[in-house]
Amino acid sequence: MKIAYINTDAGYRKGKSSYAYWINTPDGIFIKSGRIEIPITNSTQAEALCVMYALSNFIQELKINQIDKMIIYTDSMNVIHFFNFEKNKPI
């Protein structure tokens, strides 16, 4: 079974935010980081955007059709609840 691991981290402070992620696949590691240029208001939004940036790059750049399973690691419980569609959890 071919597994892709996506690790994300993002930060927000005083109106500025940045992100970093790395995608580990059987074919190698893809790393990207940068500033988040759109307006956001908190660290949960920054982390959610980081996950979405990583997923977008994964779909566009890597051989997604050769992956059987994808595991996403994030340190934001709010983002985990959001992507797990847990409606009773706070965001």
N, C-alpha and C. Protein backbone atom coordinates (compact mmCIF):
# COMPACT_ATOMS: atom_id res chain seq x y z
N MET A 1 0.85 -1.17 0.00
CA MET A 1 0.00 0.00 0.00
C MET A 1 0.90 1.24 0.00
N LYS A 2 0.65 2.15 -0.93
CA LYS A 2 1.41 3.39 -1.02
C LYS A 2 0.67 4.48 -0.24
N ILE A 3 1.38 5.06 0.74
CA ILE A 3 0.79 6.07 1.62
C ILE A 3 1.53 7.39 1.43
N ALA A 4 0.78 8.47 1.39
CA ALA A 4 1.34 9.82 1.37
C ALA A 4 1.05 10.46 2.72
N TYR A 5 2.08 11.06 3.30
CA TYR A 5 1.94 11.77 4.57
C TYR A 5 2.08 13.26 4.31
N ILE A 6 1.10 14.03 4.77
CA ILE A 6 1.15 15.49 4.63
C ILE A 6 1.26 16.08 6.02
N ASN A 7 2.32 16.84 6.26
CA ASN A 7 2.54 17.51 7.53
C ASN A 7 2.39 19.01 7.31
N THR A 8 1.59 19.67 8.13
CA THR A 8 1.35 21.10 7.94
C THR A 8 1.63 21.87 9.23
N ASP A 9 1.99 23.12 9.05
CA ASP A 9 2.10 24.04 10.17
C ASP A 9 1.94 25.46 9.64
N ALA A 10 1.25 26.27 10.39
CA ALA A 10 1.02 27.66 9.99
C ALA A 10 0.98 28.52 11.24
N GLY A 11 1.19 29.79 11.05
CA GLY A 11 1.16 30.70 12.18
C GLY A 11 0.50 32.01 11.82
N TYR A 12 0.01 32.68 12.85
CA TYR A 12 -0.64 33.98 12.68
C TYR A 12 -0.26 34.85 13.87
N ARG A 13 0.18 36.06 13.57
CA ARG A 13 0.51 37.00 14.65
C ARG A 13 0.44 38.42 14.11
N LYS A 14 -0.31 39.24 14.79
CA LYS A 14 -0.43 40.66 14.47
C LYS A 14 -0.75 40.92 13.00
N GLY A 15 -1.69 40.17 12.48
CA GLY A 15 -2.16 40.39 11.12
C GLY A 15 -1.30 39.76 10.03
N LYS A 16 -0.24 39.06 10.38
CA LYS A 16 0.61 38.40 9.39
C LYS A 16 0.57 36.90 9.62
N SER A 17 0.62 36.16 8.53
CA SER A 17 0.57 34.71 8.65
C SER A 17 1.50 34.06 7.64
N SER A 18 1.94 32.88 7.99
CA SER A 18 2.80 32.10 7.10
C SER A 18 2.46 30.63 7.25
N TYR A 19 2.95 29.83 6.32
CA TYR A 19 2.64 28.40 6.32
C TYR A 19 3.87 27.61 5.86
N ALA A 20 3.85 26.34 6.20
CA ALA A 20 4.84 25.40 5.70
C ALA A 20 4.20 24.02 5.68
N TYR A 21 4.53 23.26 4.66
CA TYR A 21 4.09 21.87 4.63
C TYR A 21 5.10 21.03 3.89
N TRP A 22 5.08 19.76 4.20
CA TRP A 22 5.91 18.82 3.48
C TRP A 22 5.08 17.57 3.25
N ILE A 23 5.22 17.03 2.06
CA ILE A 23 4.47 15.85 1.64
C ILE A 23 5.47 14.74 1.39
N ASN A 24 5.33 13.67 2.13
CA ASN A 24 6.24 12.53 2.01
C ASN A 24 5.50 11.41 1.26
N THR A 25 6.00 11.06 0.09
CA THR A 25 5.41 9.99 -0.73
C THR A 25 6.48 8.94 -1.01
N PRO A 26 6.09 7.79 -1.52
CA PRO A 26 7.09 6.79 -1.89
C PRO A 26 8.08 7.30 -2.95
N ASP A 27 7.71 8.33 -3.69
CA ASP A 27 8.58 8.87 -4.73
C ASP A 27 9.50 9.98 -4.24
N GLY A 28 9.31 10.45 -3.01
CA GLY A 28 10.15 11.51 -2.48
C GLY A 28 9.39 12.47 -1.60
N ILE A 29 10.07 13.55 -1.22
CA ILE A 29 9.50 14.55 -0.33
C ILE A 29 9.36 15.87 -1.08
N PHE A 30 8.19 16.51 -0.91
CA PHE A 30 7.90 17.80 -1.52
C PHE A 30 7.70 18.79 -0.38
N ILE A 31 8.45 19.89 -0.37
CA ILE A 31 8.40 20.87 0.72
C ILE A 31 8.06 22.25 0.15
N LYS A 32 7.20 22.97 0.85
CA LYS A 32 6.86 24.32 0.41
C LYS A 32 6.52 25.17 1.64
N SER A 33 6.84 26.46 1.56
CA SER A 33 6.49 27.39 2.61
C SER A 33 6.33 28.78 2.02
N GLY A 34 5.70 29.66 2.78
CA GLY A 34 5.52 31.03 2.31
C GLY A 34 4.60 31.83 3.20
N ARG A 35 4.34 33.03 2.77
CA ARG A 35 3.40 33.90 3.49
C ARG A 35 2.00 33.68 2.94
N ILE A 36 1.03 33.82 3.79
CA ILE A 36 -0.37 33.78 3.37
C ILE A 36 -0.74 35.22 3.04
N GLU A 37 -1.08 35.47 1.79
CA GLU A 37 -1.30 36.83 1.31
C GLU A 37 -2.73 37.32 1.46
N ILE A 38 -3.68 36.42 1.65
CA ILE A 38 -5.07 36.85 1.79
C ILE A 38 -5.34 37.22 3.25
N PRO A 39 -6.29 38.11 3.50
CA PRO A 39 -6.55 38.52 4.89
C PRO A 39 -7.17 37.39 5.71
N ILE A 40 -6.58 37.11 6.84
CA ILE A 40 -7.16 36.16 7.79
C ILE A 40 -7.13 36.80 9.17
N THR A 41 -7.84 36.19 10.13
CA THR A 41 -7.96 36.82 11.44
C THR A 41 -7.45 35.98 12.60
N ASN A 42 -7.06 34.72 12.34
CA ASN A 42 -6.60 33.89 13.45
C ASN A 42 -5.76 32.71 12.96
N SER A 43 -5.17 32.01 13.90
CA SER A 43 -4.28 30.90 13.56
C SER A 43 -5.03 29.70 13.00
N THR A 44 -6.29 29.51 13.37
CA THR A 44 -7.07 28.39 12.82
C THR A 44 -7.27 28.58 11.32
N GLN A 45 -7.57 29.79 10.90
CA GLN A 45 -7.70 30.05 9.47
C GLN A 45 -6.38 29.81 8.75
N ALA A 46 -5.27 30.21 9.37
CA ALA A 46 -3.95 30.00 8.75
C ALA A 46 -3.67 28.51 8.59
N GLU A 47 -3.96 27.73 9.60
CA GLU A 47 -3.70 26.29 9.53
C GLU A 47 -4.62 25.62 8.51
N ALA A 48 -5.88 26.02 8.46
CA ALA A 48 -6.81 25.45 7.48
C ALA A 48 -6.35 25.76 6.05
N LEU A 49 -5.91 26.98 5.82
CA LEU A 49 -5.40 27.33 4.49
C LEU A 49 -4.15 26.52 4.14
N CYS A 50 -3.31 26.30 5.12
CA CYS A 50 -2.10 25.50 4.88
C CYS A 50 -2.47 24.08 4.43
N VAL A 51 -3.44 23.48 5.10
CA VAL A 51 -3.89 22.13 4.70
C VAL A 51 -4.44 22.17 3.28
N MET A 52 -5.23 23.19 2.97
CA MET A 52 -5.80 23.28 1.62
C MET A 52 -4.72 23.53 0.56
N TYR A 53 -3.73 24.37 0.89
CA TYR A 53 -2.61 24.58 -0.04
C TYR A 53 -1.87 23.27 -0.29
N ALA A 54 -1.64 22.51 0.77
CA ALA A 54 -0.94 21.23 0.63
C ALA A 54 -1.74 20.26 -0.23
N LEU A 55 -3.04 20.17 0.03
CA LEU A 55 -3.88 19.27 -0.77
C LEU A 55 -3.91 19.70 -2.23
N SER A 56 -4.01 20.98 -2.48
CA SER A 56 -4.03 21.49 -3.85
C SER A 56 -2.74 21.14 -4.58
N ASN A 57 -1.61 21.37 -3.93
CA ASN A 57 -0.33 21.03 -4.55
C ASN A 57 -0.18 19.53 -4.75
N PHE A 58 -0.66 18.77 -3.78
CA PHE A 58 -0.59 17.31 -3.88
C PHE A 58 -1.35 16.83 -5.11
N ILE A 59 -2.53 17.37 -5.33
CA ILE A 59 -3.35 16.97 -6.47
C ILE A 59 -2.73 17.42 -7.79
N GLN A 60 -2.20 18.64 -7.82
CA GLN A 60 -1.68 19.20 -9.06
C GLN A 60 -0.29 18.71 -9.43
N GLU A 61 0.59 18.54 -8.46
CA GLU A 61 2.00 18.31 -8.75
C GLU A 61 2.45 16.86 -8.63
N LEU A 62 1.83 16.11 -7.76
CA LEU A 62 2.33 14.77 -7.47
C LEU A 62 1.46 13.70 -8.11
N LYS A 63 1.94 12.50 -8.07
CA LYS A 63 1.24 11.38 -8.71
C LYS A 63 0.16 10.83 -7.77
N ILE A 64 -0.91 11.59 -7.65
CA ILE A 64 -1.98 11.23 -6.72
C ILE A 64 -2.64 9.90 -7.08
N ASN A 65 -2.70 9.58 -8.35
CA ASN A 65 -3.36 8.33 -8.77
C ASN A 65 -2.56 7.10 -8.36
N GLN A 66 -1.33 7.27 -7.90
CA GLN A 66 -0.52 6.13 -7.46
C GLN A 66 -0.51 5.97 -5.94
N ILE A 67 -1.33 6.75 -5.25
CA ILE A 67 -1.39 6.71 -3.79
C ILE A 67 -2.67 6.02 -3.35
N ASP A 68 -2.53 5.08 -2.42
CA ASP A 68 -3.69 4.35 -1.90
C ASP A 68 -4.33 5.02 -0.69
N LYS A 69 -3.52 5.77 0.07
CA LYS A 69 -4.01 6.36 1.30
C LYS A 69 -3.22 7.63 1.57
N MET A 70 -3.91 8.62 2.16
CA MET A 70 -3.27 9.88 2.51
C MET A 70 -3.55 10.17 3.99
N ILE A 71 -2.51 10.55 4.73
CA ILE A 71 -2.65 10.89 6.14
C ILE A 71 -2.17 12.33 6.31
N ILE A 72 -3.00 13.17 6.94
CA ILE A 72 -2.67 14.57 7.15
C ILE A 72 -2.41 14.80 8.63
N TYR A 73 -1.25 15.41 8.92
CA TYR A 73 -0.90 15.77 10.28
C TYR A 73 -0.97 17.30 10.42
N THR A 74 -1.71 17.77 11.42
CA THR A 74 -1.79 19.19 11.74
C THR A 74 -1.86 19.33 13.25
N ASP A 75 -1.39 20.45 13.77
CA ASP A 75 -1.42 20.65 15.22
C ASP A 75 -2.63 21.49 15.66
N SER A 76 -3.58 21.70 14.79
CA SER A 76 -4.76 22.49 15.12
C SER A 76 -5.98 21.59 15.31
N MET A 77 -6.44 21.49 16.55
CA MET A 77 -7.62 20.66 16.82
C MET A 77 -8.85 21.19 16.09
N ASN A 78 -8.98 22.51 15.97
CA ASN A 78 -10.13 23.07 15.26
C ASN A 78 -10.13 22.63 13.80
N VAL A 79 -8.98 22.61 13.18
CA VAL A 79 -8.90 22.17 11.77
C VAL A 79 -9.20 20.68 11.67
N ILE A 80 -8.71 19.90 12.61
CA ILE A 80 -9.00 18.46 12.61
C ILE A 80 -10.51 18.24 12.71
N HIS A 81 -11.16 18.95 13.63
CA HIS A 81 -12.61 18.81 13.78
C HIS A 81 -13.33 19.25 12.50
N PHE A 82 -12.86 20.32 11.89
CA PHE A 82 -13.48 20.82 10.67
C PHE A 82 -13.40 19.79 9.55
N PHE A 83 -12.22 19.23 9.31
CA PHE A 83 -12.06 18.29 8.21
C PHE A 83 -12.68 16.93 8.52
N ASN A 84 -12.91 16.64 9.80
CA ASN A 84 -13.62 15.41 10.16
C ASN A 84 -15.13 15.62 10.18
N PHE A 85 -15.56 16.85 9.87
CA PHE A 85 -16.98 17.20 9.82
C PHE A 85 -17.69 16.93 11.14
N GLU A 86 -17.04 17.28 12.24
CA GLU A 86 -17.64 17.12 13.55
C GLU A 86 -18.40 18.40 13.88
N LYS A 87 -19.68 18.38 13.64
CA LYS A 87 -20.52 19.59 13.73
C LYS A 87 -20.65 20.13 15.15
N ASN A 88 -20.51 19.28 16.16
CA ASN A 88 -20.70 19.72 17.54
C ASN A 88 -19.44 20.28 18.17
N LYS A 89 -18.33 20.29 17.45
CA LYS A 89 -17.07 20.80 17.97
C LYS A 89 -16.90 22.26 17.58
N PRO A 90 -16.27 23.06 18.44
CA PRO A 90 -16.06 24.48 18.10
C PRO A 90 -15.04 24.67 17.00
N ILE A 91 -15.19 25.74 16.27
CA ILE A 91 -14.20 26.09 15.24
C ILE A 91 -13.59 27.43 15.60
